[in-house]
């Protein structure tokens, strides 16, 4: 079933998190990347705001989260994600491996989308999950070769993937 409000929220939420990841990428990138990261952040913010507008104007529309079981599963999945991501980040920082926090968070975010495929009845979230997990793993290999922080590569990769999915949410909204 197509849930117009969910597609609008994809544009909003994925746009917002794309903005956040592009922001995190600015922790320690190559100096020549900064202006492009700023432009990507701006584009993600604009897409987020467009998503907020269409979400608010379609608030009455059906949503997968209108069903009590789906909403409960969603909340449990998000709470587990936050707890596991937070504990992992804490341990990494405590052990003086803060450079691995961004890939860890991207990995956990990717994994959490596997559980959300059933909540939203949207198999495209498997692709989002796989791409975010791939970004998290590849950043560990690419970042040292580029001599930048893992957050730069992870942020660019996750920001790009989430931007694309925000854009797809917007397109899906328009096509329903």
N, C-alpha and C. Protein backbone atom coordinates (compact mmCIF):
# COMPACT_ATOMS: atom_id res chain seq x y z
N UNK A 1 0.84 -1.19 0.00
CA UNK A 1 0.00 0.00 0.00
C UNK A 1 0.88 1.24 0.00
N UNK A 2 0.49 2.24 -0.76
CA UNK A 2 1.23 3.50 -0.81
C UNK A 2 0.70 4.45 0.26
N UNK A 3 1.57 4.86 1.12
CA UNK A 3 1.22 5.80 2.18
C UNK A 3 1.85 7.15 1.84
N UNK A 4 1.03 8.06 1.34
CA UNK A 4 1.51 9.35 0.87
C UNK A 4 2.22 10.13 1.99
N UNK A 5 1.71 10.04 3.20
CA UNK A 5 2.34 10.77 4.31
C UNK A 5 3.71 10.17 4.64
N UNK A 6 3.85 8.87 4.52
CA UNK A 6 5.14 8.24 4.79
C UNK A 6 6.18 8.69 3.77
N UNK A 7 5.78 8.80 2.51
CA UNK A 7 6.73 9.27 1.49
C UNK A 7 7.13 10.71 1.76
N UNK A 8 6.19 11.52 2.19
CA UNK A 8 6.51 12.91 2.55
C UNK A 8 7.47 12.94 3.73
N UNK A 9 7.24 12.06 4.70
CA UNK A 9 8.14 11.99 5.85
C UNK A 9 9.51 11.45 5.46
N UNK A 10 9.57 10.54 4.48
CA UNK A 10 10.88 10.09 3.99
C UNK A 10 11.68 11.30 3.52
N UNK A 11 11.03 12.16 2.73
CA UNK A 11 11.73 13.35 2.22
C UNK A 11 12.21 14.21 3.38
N UNK A 12 11.36 14.38 4.36
CA UNK A 12 11.69 15.22 5.51
C UNK A 12 12.78 14.60 6.39
N UNK A 13 12.57 13.39 6.84
CA UNK A 13 13.50 12.77 7.79
C UNK A 13 14.81 12.39 7.14
N UNK A 14 14.76 11.77 5.97
CA UNK A 14 16.01 11.42 5.30
C UNK A 14 16.77 12.68 4.88
N UNK A 15 16.03 13.73 4.51
CA UNK A 15 16.68 15.01 4.19
C UNK A 15 17.37 15.59 5.40
N UNK A 16 16.70 15.53 6.56
CA UNK A 16 17.30 16.06 7.79
C UNK A 16 18.56 15.28 8.16
N UNK A 17 18.49 13.95 8.10
CA UNK A 17 19.67 13.17 8.47
C UNK A 17 20.77 13.25 7.43
N UNK A 18 20.41 13.48 6.19
CA UNK A 18 21.43 13.76 5.17
C UNK A 18 22.18 15.04 5.54
N UNK A 19 21.43 16.06 5.91
CA UNK A 19 22.00 17.33 6.37
C UNK A 19 22.95 17.09 7.55
N UNK A 20 22.54 16.27 8.49
CA UNK A 20 23.36 15.97 9.67
C UNK A 20 24.64 15.23 9.29
N UNK A 21 24.54 14.24 8.41
CA UNK A 21 25.73 13.48 8.01
C UNK A 21 26.70 14.36 7.23
N UNK A 22 26.18 15.21 6.34
CA UNK A 22 27.09 16.13 5.63
C UNK A 22 27.76 17.09 6.62
N UNK A 23 27.04 17.45 7.67
CA UNK A 23 27.64 18.27 8.72
C UNK A 23 28.74 17.54 9.46
N UNK A 24 28.50 16.27 9.80
CA UNK A 24 29.51 15.48 10.50
C UNK A 24 30.73 15.28 9.61
N UNK A 25 30.51 15.20 8.31
CA UNK A 25 31.63 15.03 7.37
C UNK A 25 32.59 16.21 7.42
N UNK A 26 32.13 17.33 7.93
CA UNK A 26 32.97 18.52 7.99
C UNK A 26 33.91 18.53 9.19
N UNK A 27 33.90 17.44 9.98
CA UNK A 27 34.79 17.34 11.14
C UNK A 27 36.26 17.46 10.72
N UNK A 28 36.67 16.71 9.71
CA UNK A 28 38.06 16.76 9.29
C UNK A 28 38.22 16.24 7.86
N UNK A 29 37.60 16.93 6.90
CA UNK A 29 37.77 16.52 5.51
C UNK A 29 38.99 17.23 4.92
N UNK A 30 39.24 16.97 3.68
CA UNK A 30 40.23 17.77 2.96
C UNK A 30 39.66 19.18 2.85
N UNK A 31 40.49 20.19 2.99
CA UNK A 31 39.98 21.58 2.92
C UNK A 31 39.22 21.87 1.63
N UNK A 32 39.63 21.27 0.53
CA UNK A 32 38.96 21.53 -0.76
C UNK A 32 37.56 20.95 -0.81
N UNK A 33 37.21 20.07 0.12
CA UNK A 33 35.88 19.45 0.13
C UNK A 33 34.86 20.32 0.85
N UNK A 34 35.31 21.25 1.67
CA UNK A 34 34.41 21.98 2.57
C UNK A 34 33.27 22.70 1.86
N UNK A 35 33.59 23.41 0.77
CA UNK A 35 32.51 24.16 0.10
C UNK A 35 31.47 23.22 -0.49
N UNK A 36 31.91 22.05 -0.97
CA UNK A 36 30.98 21.09 -1.54
C UNK A 36 30.12 20.46 -0.45
N UNK A 37 30.75 20.22 0.70
CA UNK A 37 29.99 19.70 1.84
C UNK A 37 28.95 20.72 2.30
N UNK A 38 29.33 21.98 2.28
CA UNK A 38 28.38 23.04 2.63
C UNK A 38 27.22 23.10 1.66
N UNK A 39 27.52 22.98 0.37
CA UNK A 39 26.45 22.99 -0.64
C UNK A 39 25.55 21.76 -0.48
N UNK A 40 26.16 20.60 -0.23
CA UNK A 40 25.37 19.38 -0.04
C UNK A 40 24.49 19.51 1.21
N UNK A 41 25.03 20.09 2.27
CA UNK A 41 24.23 20.32 3.48
C UNK A 41 23.05 21.23 3.18
N UNK A 42 23.30 22.29 2.42
CA UNK A 42 22.23 23.22 2.06
C UNK A 42 21.15 22.56 1.22
N UNK A 43 21.56 21.74 0.26
CA UNK A 43 20.59 21.04 -0.58
C UNK A 43 19.76 20.06 0.25
N UNK A 44 20.43 19.36 1.17
CA UNK A 44 19.71 18.41 2.03
C UNK A 44 18.72 19.14 2.93
N UNK A 45 19.12 20.30 3.44
CA UNK A 45 18.22 21.08 4.29
C UNK A 45 17.00 21.55 3.51
N UNK A 46 17.21 22.00 2.27
CA UNK A 46 16.08 22.43 1.44
C UNK A 46 15.12 21.26 1.16
N UNK A 47 15.68 20.10 0.88
CA UNK A 47 14.84 18.93 0.65
C UNK A 47 14.09 18.55 1.92
N UNK A 48 14.76 18.63 3.05
CA UNK A 48 14.10 18.38 4.34
C UNK A 48 12.94 19.33 4.54
N UNK A 49 13.15 20.61 4.31
CA UNK A 49 12.10 21.61 4.52
C UNK A 49 10.92 21.39 3.57
N UNK A 50 11.22 21.00 2.33
CA UNK A 50 10.14 20.67 1.39
C UNK A 50 9.36 19.46 1.93
N UNK A 51 10.08 18.48 2.46
CA UNK A 51 9.44 17.31 3.04
C UNK A 51 8.58 17.66 4.25
N UNK A 52 9.07 18.58 5.08
CA UNK A 52 8.28 19.03 6.23
C UNK A 52 6.99 19.67 5.74
N UNK A 53 7.10 20.53 4.74
CA UNK A 53 5.91 21.20 4.21
C UNK A 53 4.88 20.19 3.69
N UNK A 54 5.32 19.24 2.86
CA UNK A 54 4.35 18.29 2.31
C UNK A 54 3.86 17.31 3.37
N UNK A 55 4.67 17.07 4.39
CA UNK A 55 4.21 16.21 5.50
C UNK A 55 3.10 16.89 6.28
N UNK A 56 3.32 18.15 6.61
CA UNK A 56 2.33 18.90 7.39
C UNK A 56 1.03 19.08 6.60
N UNK A 57 1.16 19.34 5.32
CA UNK A 57 -0.05 19.56 4.51
C UNK A 57 -0.78 18.26 4.19
N UNK A 58 -0.15 17.11 4.47
CA UNK A 58 -0.79 15.81 4.25
C UNK A 58 -0.91 15.01 5.54
N UNK A 59 -0.95 15.71 6.66
CA UNK A 59 -0.96 15.05 7.95
C UNK A 59 -2.18 14.13 8.13
N UNK A 60 -3.25 14.46 7.45
CA UNK A 60 -4.48 13.66 7.53
C UNK A 60 -4.38 12.35 6.74
N UNK A 61 -3.41 12.25 5.86
CA UNK A 61 -3.29 11.07 4.98
C UNK A 61 -2.88 9.84 5.79
N UNK A 62 -3.15 8.69 5.21
CA UNK A 62 -2.83 7.43 5.86
C UNK A 62 -1.32 7.26 6.02
N UNK A 63 -0.94 6.55 7.07
CA UNK A 63 0.46 6.25 7.35
C UNK A 63 0.54 4.83 7.87
N UNK A 64 1.63 4.15 7.55
CA UNK A 64 1.84 2.81 8.11
C UNK A 64 1.88 2.88 9.63
N UNK A 65 2.31 4.01 10.17
CA UNK A 65 2.42 4.16 11.62
C UNK A 65 1.07 4.40 12.29
N UNK A 66 -0.01 4.51 11.51
CA UNK A 66 -1.35 4.65 12.09
C UNK A 66 -1.78 3.37 12.78
N UNK A 67 -1.20 2.26 12.36
CA UNK A 67 -1.52 0.98 12.98
C UNK A 67 -0.71 0.84 14.27
N UNK A 68 -1.37 0.49 15.35
CA UNK A 68 -0.74 0.43 16.67
C UNK A 68 0.47 -0.50 16.70
N UNK A 69 0.35 -1.69 16.13
CA UNK A 69 1.46 -2.65 16.14
C UNK A 69 2.65 -2.09 15.36
N UNK A 70 2.41 -1.49 14.21
CA UNK A 70 3.49 -0.93 13.41
C UNK A 70 4.18 0.20 14.16
N UNK A 71 3.39 1.05 14.80
CA UNK A 71 3.97 2.16 15.55
C UNK A 71 4.80 1.66 16.72
N UNK A 72 4.31 0.65 17.42
CA UNK A 72 5.06 0.07 18.54
C UNK A 72 6.38 -0.54 18.07
N UNK A 73 6.31 -1.29 16.97
CA UNK A 73 7.53 -1.89 16.40
C UNK A 73 8.51 -0.80 15.99
N UNK A 74 8.00 0.26 15.40
CA UNK A 74 8.85 1.39 15.00
C UNK A 74 9.57 1.97 16.21
N UNK A 75 8.82 2.25 17.27
CA UNK A 75 9.42 2.84 18.48
C UNK A 75 10.46 1.91 19.11
N UNK A 76 10.14 0.65 19.19
CA UNK A 76 11.09 -0.31 19.77
C UNK A 76 12.36 -0.36 18.93
N UNK A 77 12.22 -0.40 17.61
CA UNK A 77 13.37 -0.43 16.72
C UNK A 77 14.24 0.81 16.90
N UNK A 78 13.62 1.97 16.96
CA UNK A 78 14.37 3.22 17.12
C UNK A 78 15.04 3.29 18.49
N UNK A 79 14.33 2.88 19.54
CA UNK A 79 14.93 2.89 20.88
C UNK A 79 16.14 1.96 20.95
N UNK A 80 15.99 0.77 20.40
CA UNK A 80 17.11 -0.18 20.40
C UNK A 80 18.29 0.41 19.62
N UNK A 81 18.00 1.02 18.48
CA UNK A 81 19.06 1.65 17.68
C UNK A 81 19.82 2.69 18.49
N UNK A 82 19.09 3.58 19.15
CA UNK A 82 19.72 4.63 19.94
C UNK A 82 20.57 4.06 21.07
N UNK A 83 20.05 3.06 21.75
CA UNK A 83 20.77 2.46 22.88
C UNK A 83 22.05 1.77 22.40
N UNK A 84 21.93 0.92 21.39
CA UNK A 84 23.10 0.19 20.88
C UNK A 84 24.13 1.16 20.29
N UNK A 85 23.67 2.13 19.51
CA UNK A 85 24.59 3.11 18.93
C UNK A 85 25.28 3.91 20.03
N UNK A 86 24.52 4.33 21.03
CA UNK A 86 25.09 5.12 22.12
C UNK A 86 26.10 4.34 22.94
N UNK A 87 25.78 3.10 23.27
CA UNK A 87 26.71 2.27 24.05
C UNK A 87 27.99 2.03 23.24
N UNK A 88 27.83 1.69 21.98
CA UNK A 88 29.00 1.47 21.13
C UNK A 88 29.86 2.71 21.00
N UNK A 89 29.23 3.86 20.81
CA UNK A 89 29.99 5.12 20.71
C UNK A 89 30.72 5.41 22.02
N UNK A 90 30.04 5.19 23.13
CA UNK A 90 30.66 5.41 24.44
C UNK A 90 31.90 4.53 24.61
N UNK A 91 31.76 3.24 24.28
CA UNK A 91 32.89 2.31 24.40
C UNK A 91 34.03 2.73 23.48
N UNK A 92 33.72 3.09 22.25
CA UNK A 92 34.76 3.52 21.32
C UNK A 92 35.50 4.77 21.83
N UNK A 93 34.76 5.73 22.32
CA UNK A 93 35.39 6.95 22.84
C UNK A 93 36.22 6.64 24.08
N UNK A 94 35.69 5.82 24.96
CA UNK A 94 36.38 5.45 26.20
C UNK A 94 37.70 4.74 25.89
N UNK A 95 37.70 3.94 24.83
CA UNK A 95 38.91 3.19 24.44
C UNK A 95 39.79 3.98 23.48
N UNK A 96 39.48 5.26 23.34
CA UNK A 96 40.26 6.17 22.51
C UNK A 96 40.27 5.79 21.02
N UNK A 97 39.08 5.38 20.56
CA UNK A 97 38.88 5.05 19.14
C UNK A 97 37.76 5.91 18.57
N UNK A 98 37.75 7.20 18.90
CA UNK A 98 36.64 8.06 18.48
C UNK A 98 36.53 8.16 16.96
N UNK A 99 37.61 7.87 16.24
CA UNK A 99 37.58 7.92 14.78
C UNK A 99 36.64 6.86 14.19
N UNK A 100 36.26 5.88 15.01
CA UNK A 100 35.37 4.81 14.54
C UNK A 100 33.90 5.06 14.91
N UNK A 101 33.62 6.16 15.57
CA UNK A 101 32.24 6.42 16.00
C UNK A 101 31.31 6.63 14.80
N UNK A 102 31.71 7.44 13.85
CA UNK A 102 30.84 7.70 12.68
C UNK A 102 30.53 6.42 11.91
N UNK A 103 31.54 5.60 11.58
CA UNK A 103 31.20 4.34 10.90
C UNK A 103 30.30 3.43 11.75
N UNK A 104 30.53 3.40 13.06
CA UNK A 104 29.70 2.60 13.95
C UNK A 104 28.24 3.06 13.88
N UNK A 105 28.04 4.36 14.00
CA UNK A 105 26.67 4.90 13.97
C UNK A 105 26.01 4.60 12.62
N UNK A 106 26.75 4.79 11.52
CA UNK A 106 26.19 4.49 10.20
C UNK A 106 25.83 3.02 10.07
N UNK A 107 26.67 2.15 10.65
CA UNK A 107 26.39 0.71 10.62
C UNK A 107 25.09 0.40 11.35
N UNK A 108 24.94 0.93 12.55
CA UNK A 108 23.73 0.67 13.34
C UNK A 108 22.50 1.27 12.67
N UNK A 109 22.62 2.46 12.12
CA UNK A 109 21.50 3.08 11.40
C UNK A 109 21.10 2.20 10.22
N UNK A 110 22.11 1.70 9.50
CA UNK A 110 21.81 0.82 8.37
C UNK A 110 21.06 -0.43 8.81
N UNK A 111 21.55 -1.07 9.86
CA UNK A 111 20.92 -2.28 10.37
C UNK A 111 19.48 -2.02 10.81
N UNK A 112 19.23 -0.86 11.41
CA UNK A 112 17.88 -0.61 11.92
C UNK A 112 16.85 -0.51 10.79
N UNK A 113 17.29 -0.16 9.58
CA UNK A 113 16.34 -0.09 8.47
C UNK A 113 15.84 -1.47 8.04
N UNK A 114 16.60 -2.51 8.37
CA UNK A 114 16.12 -3.87 8.06
C UNK A 114 14.81 -4.13 8.80
N UNK A 115 14.78 -3.76 10.08
CA UNK A 115 13.55 -3.94 10.87
C UNK A 115 12.41 -3.06 10.42
N UNK A 116 12.74 -1.93 9.83
CA UNK A 116 11.68 -1.00 9.41
C UNK A 116 11.04 -1.37 8.08
N UNK A 117 11.64 -2.30 7.33
CA UNK A 117 11.03 -2.70 6.05
C UNK A 117 9.64 -3.27 6.26
N UNK A 118 9.46 -4.04 7.31
CA UNK A 118 8.14 -4.62 7.59
C UNK A 118 7.18 -3.58 8.16
N UNK A 119 7.70 -2.66 8.96
CA UNK A 119 6.86 -1.61 9.53
C UNK A 119 6.22 -0.79 8.42
N UNK A 120 7.04 -0.38 7.45
CA UNK A 120 6.55 0.48 6.37
C UNK A 120 6.14 -0.31 5.12
N UNK A 121 6.28 -1.64 5.17
CA UNK A 121 5.98 -2.48 4.01
C UNK A 121 6.67 -1.92 2.77
N UNK A 122 7.97 -1.67 2.93
CA UNK A 122 8.75 -1.00 1.88
C UNK A 122 10.09 -1.70 1.73
N UNK A 123 10.19 -2.56 0.75
CA UNK A 123 11.43 -3.32 0.55
C UNK A 123 12.60 -2.45 0.10
N UNK A 124 12.35 -1.22 -0.36
CA UNK A 124 13.47 -0.34 -0.73
C UNK A 124 14.33 -0.01 0.48
N UNK A 125 13.77 -0.17 1.68
CA UNK A 125 14.56 0.10 2.88
C UNK A 125 15.67 -0.94 3.07
N UNK A 126 15.53 -2.12 2.46
CA UNK A 126 16.64 -3.08 2.46
C UNK A 126 17.84 -2.51 1.70
N UNK A 127 17.55 -1.84 0.61
CA UNK A 127 18.62 -1.22 -0.19
C UNK A 127 19.28 -0.11 0.62
N UNK A 128 18.47 0.71 1.28
CA UNK A 128 19.01 1.76 2.13
C UNK A 128 19.89 1.15 3.22
N UNK A 129 19.43 0.09 3.85
CA UNK A 129 20.20 -0.59 4.90
C UNK A 129 21.54 -1.08 4.35
N UNK A 130 21.50 -1.76 3.21
CA UNK A 130 22.73 -2.31 2.62
C UNK A 130 23.71 -1.19 2.26
N UNK A 131 23.20 -0.10 1.71
CA UNK A 131 24.09 1.00 1.33
C UNK A 131 24.73 1.66 2.54
N UNK A 132 23.97 1.87 3.60
CA UNK A 132 24.54 2.49 4.80
C UNK A 132 25.56 1.57 5.48
N UNK A 133 25.29 0.27 5.50
CA UNK A 133 26.26 -0.67 6.05
C UNK A 133 27.51 -0.67 5.18
N UNK A 134 27.34 -0.67 3.87
CA UNK A 134 28.50 -0.62 2.97
C UNK A 134 29.32 0.65 3.18
N UNK A 135 28.66 1.78 3.32
CA UNK A 135 29.36 3.04 3.59
C UNK A 135 30.18 2.92 4.86
N UNK A 136 29.58 2.36 5.91
CA UNK A 136 30.28 2.26 7.19
C UNK A 136 31.53 1.39 7.08
N UNK A 137 31.42 0.29 6.37
CA UNK A 137 32.55 -0.63 6.22
C UNK A 137 33.61 -0.04 5.28
N UNK A 138 33.17 0.48 4.16
CA UNK A 138 34.13 1.02 3.18
C UNK A 138 34.87 2.24 3.71
N UNK A 139 34.21 3.01 4.55
CA UNK A 139 34.89 4.21 5.09
C UNK A 139 36.12 3.84 5.89
N UNK A 140 36.10 2.67 6.53
CA UNK A 140 37.26 2.21 7.31
C UNK A 140 38.46 1.93 6.42
N UNK A 141 38.21 1.59 5.18
CA UNK A 141 39.27 1.30 4.22
C UNK A 141 39.68 2.56 3.44
N UNK A 142 38.68 3.38 3.09
CA UNK A 142 38.94 4.54 2.24
C UNK A 142 39.56 5.70 3.02
N UNK A 143 39.06 5.98 4.20
CA UNK A 143 39.52 7.15 4.97
C UNK A 143 41.03 7.19 5.19
N UNK A 144 41.66 6.10 5.62
CA UNK A 144 43.12 6.17 5.81
C UNK A 144 43.87 6.43 4.50
N UNK A 145 43.36 5.90 3.42
CA UNK A 145 44.02 6.09 2.13
C UNK A 145 43.92 7.55 1.66
N UNK A 146 42.82 8.21 2.03
CA UNK A 146 42.64 9.62 1.68
C UNK A 146 43.21 10.55 2.75
N UNK A 147 43.63 9.97 3.85
CA UNK A 147 44.18 10.71 4.99
C UNK A 147 43.20 11.76 5.52
N UNK A 148 41.99 11.29 5.73
CA UNK A 148 40.94 12.11 6.34
C UNK A 148 40.29 11.30 7.45
N UNK A 149 39.55 11.97 8.30
CA UNK A 149 38.83 11.28 9.37
C UNK A 149 37.78 10.34 8.78
N UNK A 150 37.51 9.25 9.48
CA UNK A 150 36.44 8.35 9.05
C UNK A 150 35.12 9.09 8.91
N UNK A 151 34.92 10.10 9.76
CA UNK A 151 33.67 10.85 9.71
C UNK A 151 33.50 11.58 8.38
N UNK A 152 34.61 11.97 7.75
CA UNK A 152 34.50 12.67 6.45
C UNK A 152 33.93 11.73 5.39
N UNK A 153 34.51 10.55 5.29
CA UNK A 153 34.06 9.60 4.26
C UNK A 153 32.69 9.02 4.63
N UNK A 154 32.52 8.66 5.90
CA UNK A 154 31.23 8.13 6.34
C UNK A 154 30.14 9.18 6.14
N UNK A 155 30.43 10.42 6.53
CA UNK A 155 29.44 11.50 6.41
C UNK A 155 29.06 11.77 4.97
N UNK A 156 30.04 11.79 4.09
CA UNK A 156 29.74 12.01 2.67
C UNK A 156 28.93 10.85 2.11
N UNK A 157 29.33 9.61 2.44
CA UNK A 157 28.61 8.45 1.93
C UNK A 157 27.20 8.36 2.47
N UNK A 158 27.06 8.45 3.80
CA UNK A 158 25.73 8.36 4.41
C UNK A 158 24.86 9.54 4.00
N UNK A 159 25.45 10.73 3.95
CA UNK A 159 24.70 11.92 3.53
C UNK A 159 24.17 11.78 2.11
N UNK A 160 25.00 11.25 1.23
CA UNK A 160 24.60 11.06 -0.17
C UNK A 160 23.49 10.02 -0.29
N UNK A 161 23.66 8.88 0.38
CA UNK A 161 22.66 7.82 0.33
C UNK A 161 21.32 8.34 0.87
N UNK A 162 21.36 9.00 2.01
CA UNK A 162 20.12 9.51 2.60
C UNK A 162 19.50 10.62 1.75
N UNK A 163 20.33 11.44 1.11
CA UNK A 163 19.80 12.47 0.22
C UNK A 163 19.05 11.82 -0.94
N UNK A 164 19.64 10.78 -1.51
CA UNK A 164 18.99 10.08 -2.63
C UNK A 164 17.66 9.48 -2.17
N UNK A 165 17.63 8.89 -0.99
CA UNK A 165 16.38 8.31 -0.50
C UNK A 165 15.36 9.38 -0.12
N UNK A 166 15.83 10.53 0.33
CA UNK A 166 14.90 11.65 0.58
C UNK A 166 14.29 12.11 -0.75
N UNK A 167 15.12 12.21 -1.76
CA UNK A 167 14.65 12.60 -3.09
C UNK A 167 13.68 11.56 -3.65
N UNK A 168 13.99 10.29 -3.45
CA UNK A 168 13.08 9.23 -3.89
C UNK A 168 11.75 9.29 -3.14
N UNK A 169 11.80 9.60 -1.85
CA UNK A 169 10.56 9.77 -1.10
C UNK A 169 9.72 10.90 -1.68
N UNK A 170 10.38 11.99 -2.04
CA UNK A 170 9.68 13.13 -2.64
C UNK A 170 9.06 12.74 -3.98
N UNK A 171 9.83 12.02 -4.78
CA UNK A 171 9.33 11.56 -6.09
C UNK A 171 8.17 10.59 -5.91
N UNK A 172 8.29 9.68 -4.95
CA UNK A 172 7.21 8.73 -4.68
C UNK A 172 5.95 9.47 -4.20
N UNK A 173 6.15 10.49 -3.39
CA UNK A 173 5.03 11.33 -2.94
C UNK A 173 4.31 11.93 -4.15
N UNK A 174 5.09 12.49 -5.08
CA UNK A 174 4.50 13.13 -6.26
C UNK A 174 3.80 12.15 -7.18
N UNK A 175 4.24 10.88 -7.16
CA UNK A 175 3.68 9.90 -8.09
C UNK A 175 2.46 9.15 -7.53
N UNK A 176 2.13 9.38 -6.26
CA UNK A 176 0.97 8.68 -5.67
C UNK A 176 -0.30 9.45 -5.99
